[in-house]
Structures are given as structure tokens and as C-alpha cells.
């Protein structure tokens, strides 16, 4: 028996490791308090997210929106 897994997505999702500049952009936009909350809530920082996940956080309007959608 053989198992196969396929991932699909947009071209910006093809890169798993987030760009350090994008992580910094999230920190600059939403402040360090969001990452502190994230670590407490999920047990890891932004550096453990995918490029696509960090991009979502960067595009979110504010930290409260992220907290509400993640909780």
C-alpha cells in the first residue's frame, strides 16, 4: 500500500519558512504584546509559523481581530 499527500495553495504559500522581514513587519504592526499572547495561547512564537500564516497576521487590521479569530 502506498500513501500520497499533496499540498496546494497560492505561490506565496509554497515557501514554508517565513521571511524574517515579514515576521518583523508583524511585530512592528501589532506590537510585541501579540507575540507574547500567541506564545501563551499556542506555545510557540511567530518564527514557528509558515510564510502564509505570518502573511495573514501581517494583513490583519489589528491584534484584537487576531485574538478574536484565534480564540
C-alpha atoms as a PDB file:
ATOM      1  CA  UNK A   1       0.000   0.000   0.000  1.00  0.00           C
ATOM      2  CA  UNK A   2       1.281   3.472  -0.881  1.00  0.00           C
ATOM      3  CA  UNK A   3       0.156   6.761   0.643  1.00  0.00           C
ATOM      4  CA  UNK A   4       0.349  10.091  -1.118  1.00  0.00           C
ATOM      5  CA  UNK A   5      -0.048  13.600   0.245  1.00  0.00           C
ATOM      6  CA  UNK A   6      -0.454  16.699  -1.876  1.00  0.00           C
ATOM      7  CA  UNK A   7      -0.315  20.308  -0.756  1.00  0.00           C
ATOM      8  CA  UNK A   8      -1.912  23.013  -2.828  1.00  0.00           C
ATOM      9  CA  UNK A   9      -2.095  26.745  -2.498  1.00  0.00           C
ATOM     10  CA  UNK A  10      -1.060  30.049  -3.932  1.00  0.00           C
ATOM     11  CA  UNK A  11       2.506  30.730  -4.977  1.00  0.00           C
ATOM     12  CA  UNK A  12       3.237  32.725  -1.787  1.00  0.00           C
ATOM     13  CA  UNK A  13       2.244  29.613   0.208  1.00  0.00           C
ATOM     14  CA  UNK A  14       4.887  27.468  -1.474  1.00  0.00           C
ATOM     15  CA  UNK A  15       7.522  28.723   0.943  1.00  0.00           C
ATOM     16  CA  UNK A  16       7.091  27.263   4.420  1.00  0.00           C
ATOM     17  CA  UNK A  17       9.677  29.197   6.443  1.00  0.00           C
ATOM     18  CA  UNK A  18       8.599  32.808   6.953  1.00  0.00           C
ATOM     19  CA  UNK A  19      10.823  35.639   5.820  1.00  0.00           C
ATOM     20  CA  UNK A  20      12.415  37.329   8.863  1.00  0.00           C
ATOM     21  CA  UNK A  21      11.407  40.713   7.428  1.00  0.00           C
ATOM     22  CA  UNK A  22       7.749  39.620   7.362  1.00  0.00           C
ATOM     23  CA  UNK A  23       7.904  38.445  10.979  1.00  0.00           C
ATOM     24  CA  UNK A  24       9.396  41.822  11.897  1.00  0.00           C
ATOM     25  CA  UNK A  25       6.641  43.596   9.964  1.00  0.00           C
ATOM     26  CA  UNK A  26       4.042  41.757  12.088  1.00  0.00           C
ATOM     27  CA  UNK A  27       5.879  42.722  15.271  1.00  0.00           C
ATOM     28  CA  UNK A  28       6.123  46.339  14.107  1.00  0.00           C
ATOM     29  CA  UNK A  29       2.462  46.497  13.143  1.00  0.00           C
ATOM     30  CA  UNK A  30       0.879  44.680  16.098  1.00  0.00           C
ATOM     31  CA  UNK A  31       3.482  45.128  18.839  1.00  0.00           C
ATOM     32  CA  UNK A  32       5.310  42.566  20.954  1.00  0.00           C
ATOM     33  CA  UNK A  33       2.247  42.010  23.155  1.00  0.00           C
ATOM     34  CA  UNK A  34       0.594  39.996  20.381  1.00  0.00           C
ATOM     35  CA  UNK A  35       3.503  37.579  20.114  1.00  0.00           C
ATOM     36  CA  UNK A  36       3.619  37.238  23.909  1.00  0.00           C
ATOM     37  CA  UNK A  37      -0.106  36.391  23.880  1.00  0.00           C
ATOM     38  CA  UNK A  38       0.488  33.996  20.965  1.00  0.00           C
ATOM     39  CA  UNK A  39       3.208  32.145  22.901  1.00  0.00           C
ATOM     40  CA  UNK A  40       0.951  31.808  25.942  1.00  0.00           C
ATOM     41  CA  UNK A  41      -2.016  30.667  23.839  1.00  0.00           C
ATOM     42  CA  UNK A  42      -0.272  28.286  21.429  1.00  0.00           C
ATOM     43  CA  UNK A  43       3.127  27.560  22.988  1.00  0.00           C
ATOM     44  CA  UNK A  44       5.359  28.971  20.231  1.00  0.00           C
ATOM     45  CA  UNK A  45       6.319  32.262  18.614  1.00  0.00           C
ATOM     46  CA  UNK A  46       5.839  33.683  15.151  1.00  0.00           C
ATOM     47  CA  UNK A  47       9.082  32.100  13.956  1.00  0.00           C
ATOM     48  CA  UNK A  48       7.353  28.683  14.052  1.00  0.00           C
ATOM     49  CA  UNK A  49       4.560  29.755  11.686  1.00  0.00           C
ATOM     50  CA  UNK A  50       4.528  29.298   7.927  1.00  0.00           C
ATOM     51  CA  UNK A  51       5.055  32.142   5.476  1.00  0.00           C
ATOM     52  CA  UNK A  52       1.333  32.080   4.687  1.00  0.00           C
ATOM     53  CA  UNK A  53       0.320  32.241   8.355  1.00  0.00           C
ATOM     54  CA  UNK A  54       2.632  35.169   9.069  1.00  0.00           C
ATOM     55  CA  UNK A  55       1.333  36.893   5.943  1.00  0.00           C
ATOM     56  CA  UNK A  56      -2.214  36.515   7.302  1.00  0.00           C
ATOM     57  CA  UNK A  57      -1.187  38.113  10.603  1.00  0.00           C
ATOM     58  CA  UNK A  58       0.533  40.973   8.780  1.00  0.00           C
ATOM     59  CA  UNK A  59      -2.571  41.649   6.700  1.00  0.00           C
ATOM     60  CA  UNK A  60      -4.921  41.584   9.711  1.00  0.00           C
ATOM     61  CA  UNK A  61      -6.129  45.049  10.685  1.00  0.00           C
ATOM     62  CA  UNK A  62      -5.265  44.809  14.391  1.00  0.00           C
ATOM     63  CA  UNK A  63      -4.193  42.486  17.205  1.00  0.00           C
ATOM     64  CA  UNK A  64      -7.696  42.288  18.695  1.00  0.00           C
ATOM     65  CA  UNK A  65      -9.053  40.864  15.438  1.00  0.00           C
ATOM     66  CA  UNK A  66      -6.380  38.163  15.507  1.00  0.00           C
ATOM     67  CA  UNK A  67      -7.114  37.295  19.130  1.00  0.00           C
ATOM     68  CA  UNK A  68     -10.871  37.057  18.482  1.00  0.00           C
ATOM     69  CA  UNK A  69     -10.457  34.805  15.437  1.00  0.00           C
ATOM     70  CA  UNK A  70      -7.882  32.579  17.156  1.00  0.00           C
ATOM     71  CA  UNK A  71      -9.803  32.045  20.376  1.00  0.00           C
END
